[in-house]
C-alpha cells in the first residue's frame, strides 16, 4: 500500500512536470491585443484584415467586435446605458487578437504592436504591458520553483520506497542467515525476494495507475483548457513511467538491501 501511494504521488508529479510547459503556454496565450479599427470601414476590408492576421504565424485567434456589441458589453460592465446619456455610441469596432505563446515576450509584443499599427484598417493598438511583464516574470519563477520542488520530492519518494523495502527485508534477516548457514548460494537467496519485489512493484504500479486515471477522469472538465483529447498519449506515457519506476525502484532497492544483509554475520543481525 505504501508503494502504491508513493507511486501515485510520483505519477501526479510526472503529470505536473509534463504539463508545466503547456500550462505556461495556456496562461501566455490569454495575452492579446485589441486592434481599434478606423471608423467607416467596409465589411470587405475587415474580412481582409482578419484573413491576413489568421494566416500569420503568430496569431492564434481573432474576434471581431462591432460598435453595437462593444456598446452592449460596456453597458453590462457599467450597469447603465451610457449611449442613452450621450445620445450616440462613441465606441469603435475592434479586433481582439490572441497570440501563440512564443510571441508573448515583451520585446516581441512591442514589435508586433508596431506591425499591427502599419495595417491601414487599424487606428490604435492596446495591450496590457504591465500584465504581460507580470505574467512572464512569474511564469519563470514558478517554473524554477517547480523544478526544484520536483527534484526534492522525487528524492524523498525514492527514499520512502527504498526504506519500505529495506524494512520488509530486515524483518526476514534471520531467515536469510539461516539459508546461508545451510549452504544456500547468494543468488538462490536473492531469487524469492526479487520475485516478490517485482510482484509488489507491478501490483503497486497497477493500482497507482488506476488511481491516477480516476483522478484525471474526475477532473477532466477542470483540465479541459489544458488537457486535450490528443493528450491520451501523455496519460499512457505517465502510466508507463509509473510501471517502470515501480519495477526498477523495487528491484534495485531489494538488491541493495539484500547485499547488505548477506554480508552480515549472525551477531550483527541483532543491531
Protein backbone atom coordinates (compact mmCIF):
# COMPACT_ATOMS: atom_id res chain seq x y z
CA UNK A 1 0.00 0.00 0.00
CA UNK A 2 2.86 2.37 0.80
CA UNK A 3 4.42 1.68 -2.59
CA UNK A 4 1.09 2.36 -4.31
CA UNK A 5 0.59 5.70 -2.57
CA UNK A 6 4.15 6.83 -3.32
CA UNK A 7 3.78 5.80 -6.98
CA UNK A 8 0.54 7.79 -7.16
CA UNK A 9 2.42 10.85 -5.93
CA UNK A 10 5.22 10.19 -8.42
CA UNK A 11 2.65 9.87 -11.21
CA UNK A 12 0.96 13.12 -10.22
CA UNK A 13 4.37 14.80 -10.09
CA UNK A 14 5.12 13.49 -13.61
CA UNK A 15 1.74 14.81 -14.78
CA UNK A 16 2.51 18.25 -13.37
CA UNK A 17 6.02 18.33 -14.86
CA UNK A 18 4.88 17.22 -18.32
CA UNK A 19 2.06 19.75 -18.34
CA UNK A 20 4.04 22.61 -16.78
CA UNK A 21 5.05 23.93 -20.19
CA UNK A 22 1.53 23.53 -21.55
CA UNK A 23 0.11 25.35 -18.53
CA UNK A 24 2.63 28.14 -19.07
CA UNK A 25 1.65 28.38 -22.74
CA UNK A 26 -2.04 28.37 -21.82
CA UNK A 27 -1.53 31.34 -19.48
CA UNK A 28 0.59 33.24 -22.01
CA UNK A 29 -1.94 32.72 -24.77
CA UNK A 30 -4.54 34.59 -22.74
CA UNK A 31 -2.49 37.70 -23.52
CA UNK A 32 -3.81 39.56 -26.55
CA UNK A 33 -4.09 42.79 -28.47
CA UNK A 34 -7.12 44.95 -29.09
CA UNK A 35 -6.91 46.48 -32.56
CA UNK A 36 -9.18 49.53 -32.72
CA UNK A 37 -10.42 49.83 -36.29
CA UNK A 38 -10.94 53.03 -38.20
CA UNK A 39 -14.48 54.28 -38.41
CA UNK A 40 -16.38 53.73 -41.64
CA UNK A 41 -14.51 50.63 -42.80
CA UNK A 42 -16.28 48.40 -45.29
CA UNK A 43 -17.03 44.82 -44.32
CA UNK A 44 -14.73 43.51 -47.05
CA UNK A 45 -11.78 45.46 -45.58
CA UNK A 46 -12.41 44.00 -42.13
CA UNK A 47 -12.65 40.47 -43.54
CA UNK A 48 -9.41 41.02 -45.46
CA UNK A 49 -7.63 42.09 -42.27
CA UNK A 50 -8.95 39.05 -40.37
CA UNK A 51 -7.71 36.72 -43.09
CA UNK A 52 -4.27 38.34 -43.13
CA UNK A 53 -4.00 38.03 -39.34
CA UNK A 54 -5.27 34.44 -39.32
CA UNK A 55 -2.67 33.48 -41.93
CA UNK A 56 0.21 34.88 -39.87
CA UNK A 57 2.39 32.56 -37.80
CA UNK A 58 1.95 34.47 -34.55
CA UNK A 59 -1.86 34.91 -34.34
CA UNK A 60 -3.79 32.09 -32.69
CA UNK A 61 -7.30 33.54 -32.99
CA UNK A 62 -9.21 36.73 -33.78
CA UNK A 63 -12.60 38.02 -32.71
CA UNK A 64 -14.38 40.88 -34.43
CA UNK A 65 -16.41 43.18 -32.15
CA UNK A 66 -18.66 45.69 -33.92
CA UNK A 67 -19.68 49.01 -32.38
CA UNK A 68 -23.04 47.72 -31.13
CA UNK A 69 -21.52 44.66 -29.46
CA UNK A 70 -18.82 46.81 -27.83
CA UNK A 71 -21.52 49.17 -26.52
CA UNK A 72 -23.57 46.29 -25.12
CA UNK A 73 -20.56 44.77 -23.37
CA UNK A 74 -19.56 48.10 -21.84
CA UNK A 75 -23.17 48.72 -20.75
CA UNK A 76 -23.15 45.37 -18.92
CA UNK A 77 -19.88 46.28 -17.17
CA UNK A 78 -21.08 49.76 -16.16
CA UNK A 79 -24.57 48.65 -15.25
CA UNK A 80 -26.20 51.50 -17.19
CA UNK A 81 -26.78 52.53 -20.80
CA UNK A 82 -24.19 55.23 -21.49
CA UNK A 83 -25.36 55.65 -25.11
CA UNK A 84 -28.70 56.96 -23.89
CA UNK A 85 -26.91 59.53 -21.74
CA UNK A 86 -24.54 60.64 -24.50
CA UNK A 87 -27.05 60.40 -27.30
CA UNK A 88 -24.68 58.41 -29.54
CA UNK A 89 -22.26 55.48 -29.50
CA UNK A 90 -18.65 56.79 -29.19
CA UNK A 91 -17.01 53.36 -29.43
CA UNK A 92 -15.17 51.94 -32.42
CA UNK A 93 -15.27 48.47 -33.88
CA UNK A 94 -12.27 46.36 -32.90
CA UNK A 95 -10.49 43.03 -33.29
CA UNK A 96 -9.38 41.01 -30.27
CA UNK A 97 -6.22 39.16 -31.27
CA UNK A 98 -4.79 36.23 -29.27
CA UNK A 99 -1.18 35.22 -29.90
CA UNK A 100 0.71 31.95 -29.71
CA UNK A 101 2.80 31.59 -26.55
CA UNK A 102 6.28 32.04 -28.14
CA UNK A 103 5.24 35.50 -29.35
CA UNK A 104 4.12 36.84 -25.97
CA UNK A 105 7.51 38.04 -24.75
CA UNK A 106 7.75 41.78 -24.05
CA UNK A 107 10.18 42.58 -26.90
CA UNK A 108 8.15 40.58 -29.40
CA UNK A 109 4.92 42.28 -28.34
CA UNK A 110 6.48 45.71 -28.89
CA UNK A 111 7.48 44.67 -32.41
CA UNK A 112 4.03 43.24 -33.14
CA UNK A 113 2.36 46.40 -31.84
CA UNK A 114 4.14 48.43 -34.50
CA UNK A 115 3.36 45.80 -37.13
CA UNK A 116 -0.36 45.98 -36.31
CA UNK A 117 -0.29 49.78 -36.48
CA UNK A 118 1.05 49.54 -40.03
CA UNK A 119 -2.19 47.97 -41.25
CA UNK A 120 -4.31 50.67 -42.94
CA UNK A 121 -7.51 49.46 -41.23
CA UNK A 122 -6.08 49.91 -37.70
CA UNK A 123 -6.45 53.19 -35.80
CA UNK A 124 -4.89 52.22 -32.45
CA UNK A 125 -3.45 49.17 -30.67
CA UNK A 126 -3.88 48.33 -26.99
CA UNK A 127 -2.47 45.62 -24.76
CA UNK A 128 -1.74 45.42 -21.03
CA UNK A 129 2.02 45.91 -20.80
CA UNK A 130 2.17 45.60 -17.01
CA UNK A 131 0.17 42.38 -17.09
CA UNK A 132 2.47 40.95 -19.75
CA UNK A 133 5.56 41.71 -17.65
CA UNK A 134 3.90 40.29 -14.54
CA UNK A 135 2.90 37.04 -16.26
CA UNK A 136 6.28 36.48 -17.92
CA UNK A 137 8.23 37.10 -14.70
CA UNK A 138 6.00 34.86 -12.61
CA UNK A 139 5.99 32.05 -15.18
CA UNK A 140 9.80 31.94 -15.00
CA UNK A 141 9.80 32.00 -11.20
CA UNK A 142 7.14 29.31 -10.91
CA UNK A 143 8.93 27.09 -13.46
CA UNK A 144 12.19 27.29 -11.50
CA UNK A 145 10.44 26.67 -8.17
CA UNK A 146 8.55 23.72 -9.64
CA UNK A 147 11.78 22.19 -10.93
CA UNK A 148 13.48 22.47 -7.51
CA UNK A 149 10.47 21.12 -5.60
CA UNK A 150 10.07 18.26 -8.07
CA UNK A 151 13.70 17.24 -7.61
CA UNK A 152 13.35 17.22 -3.82
CA UNK A 153 10.06 15.30 -3.88
CA UNK A 154 11.46 12.71 -6.29
CA UNK A 155 14.42 12.14 -3.95
CA UNK A 156 12.07 11.81 -0.96
CA UNK A 157 9.74 9.39 -2.79
CA UNK A 158 12.64 7.18 -3.82
CA UNK A 159 13.87 7.18 -0.23
CA UNK A 160 10.45 6.21 1.12
CA UNK A 161 10.08 3.25 -1.23
CA UNK A 162 13.65 2.15 -0.51
CA UNK A 163 13.07 2.31 3.26
CA UNK A 164 9.79 0.38 2.95
CA UNK A 165 11.53 -2.47 1.11
CA UNK A 166 14.52 -2.42 3.47
CA UNK A 167 12.15 -2.84 6.43
CA UNK A 168 10.48 -5.82 4.73
CA UNK A 169 13.85 -7.50 4.22
CA UNK A 170 15.08 -6.53 7.70
CA UNK A 171 12.13 -8.43 9.22
CA UNK A 172 13.41 -11.59 7.48
CA UNK A 173 17.12 -11.17 8.15
CA UNK A 174 17.25 -14.28 10.35
CA UNK A 175 15.70 -16.38 7.58
CA UNK A 176 18.39 -15.09 5.21
CA UNK A 177 21.12 -16.01 7.70
CA UNK A 178 19.61 -19.48 8.24
CA UNK A 179 19.62 -20.09 4.48
CA UNK A 180 23.28 -19.09 4.36
CA UNK A 181 24.10 -21.48 7.21
CA UNK A 182 22.60 -24.46 5.36
CA UNK A 183 24.71 -23.66 2.29
CA UNK A 184 22.32 -21.71 0.04
CA UNK A 185 24.08 -19.54 -2.53
CA UNK A 186 23.54 -15.78 -2.61
CA UNK A 187 21.71 -15.97 -5.95
CA UNK A 188 19.40 -18.68 -4.60
CA UNK A 189 18.59 -16.49 -1.58
CA UNK A 190 18.01 -13.42 -3.73
CA UNK A 191 15.61 -15.10 -6.16
CA UNK A 192 12.43 -15.29 -3.99
CA UNK A 193 12.97 -11.77 -2.63
CA UNK A 194 13.50 -10.32 -6.10
CA UNK A 195 10.46 -12.19 -7.40
CA UNK A 196 8.34 -10.77 -4.61
CA UNK A 197 9.71 -7.26 -5.18
CA UNK A 198 8.76 -7.46 -8.87
CA UNK A 199 5.23 -8.56 -7.96
CA UNK A 200 4.92 -5.78 -5.36
CA UNK A 201 6.27 -3.17 -7.78
CA UNK A 202 3.97 -4.18 -10.64
CA UNK A 203 0.93 -4.52 -8.37
CA UNK A 204 1.64 -1.14 -6.77
CA UNK A 205 2.11 0.47 -10.18
CA UNK A 206 -1.13 -1.09 -11.47
CA UNK A 207 -3.15 0.25 -8.53
CA UNK A 208 -1.40 3.63 -8.78
CA UNK A 209 -2.30 3.91 -12.47
CA UNK A 210 -5.95 3.13 -11.73
CA UNK A 211 -6.00 5.90 -9.12
CA UNK A 212 -4.23 8.36 -11.46
CA UNK A 213 -6.62 7.63 -14.33
CA UNK A 214 -9.53 8.10 -11.92
CA UNK A 215 -8.15 11.50 -10.85
CA UNK A 216 -7.65 12.63 -14.48
CA UNK A 217 -11.16 11.46 -15.42
CA UNK A 218 -12.75 13.10 -12.37
CA UNK A 219 -11.14 16.46 -13.15
CA UNK A 220 -11.25 16.32 -16.96
CA UNK A 221 -13.70 19.24 -17.11
CA UNK A 222 -11.47 21.44 -14.93
CA UNK A 223 -8.47 20.49 -17.09
CA UNK A 224 -10.26 20.94 -20.41
CA UNK A 225 -8.32 24.12 -21.17
CA UNK A 226 -5.01 22.35 -20.60
CA UNK A 227 -5.63 18.70 -21.43
CA UNK A 228 -6.91 17.89 -24.91
CA UNK A 229 -8.15 14.61 -26.42
CA UNK A 230 -4.73 14.16 -28.03
CA UNK A 231 -3.17 14.04 -24.58
CA UNK A 232 -4.28 10.44 -24.12
CA UNK A 233 -0.76 9.58 -25.31
CA UNK A 234 0.64 11.68 -22.47
CA UNK A 235 -1.51 9.81 -19.92
CA UNK A 236 -0.31 6.48 -21.35
CA UNK A 237 3.28 7.74 -21.17
CA UNK A 238 2.83 8.59 -17.47
CA UNK A 239 1.31 5.15 -16.85
CA UNK A 240 4.40 3.57 -18.43
CA UNK A 241 6.65 5.79 -16.28
CA UNK A 242 4.83 4.65 -13.13
CA UNK A 243 5.19 0.97 -14.14
CA UNK A 244 8.89 1.37 -14.91
CA UNK A 245 9.56 3.28 -11.68
CA UNK A 246 7.60 0.76 -9.63
CA UNK A 247 9.58 -2.11 -11.15
CA UNK A 248 13.04 -0.50 -11.05
CA UNK A 249 12.83 1.03 -7.58
CA UNK A 250 11.51 -2.21 -6.07
CA UNK A 251 14.14 -4.41 -7.72
CA UNK A 252 17.10 -2.08 -7.14
CA UNK A 253 16.13 -1.39 -3.51
CA UNK A 254 15.67 -5.13 -2.85
CA UNK A 255 19.01 -5.96 -4.46
CA UNK A 256 20.91 -3.34 -2.44
CA UNK A 257 19.21 -4.26 0.84
CA UNK A 258 19.84 -8.00 0.28
CA UNK A 259 23.52 -7.42 -0.42
CA UNK A 260 23.82 -5.61 2.90
CA UNK A 261 22.20 -8.40 4.93
CA UNK A 262 24.04 -11.13 3.02
CA UNK A 263 27.34 -9.65 4.26
CA UNK A 264 26.27 -9.51 7.91
CA UNK A 265 27.44 -12.08 10.47
CA UNK A 266 24.98 -13.68 12.85
CA UNK A 267 25.88 -11.50 15.85
CA UNK A 268 25.45 -8.36 13.70
CA UNK A 269 21.79 -9.20 12.96
CA UNK A 270 20.75 -8.00 16.42
CA UNK A 271 21.80 -4.38 15.82
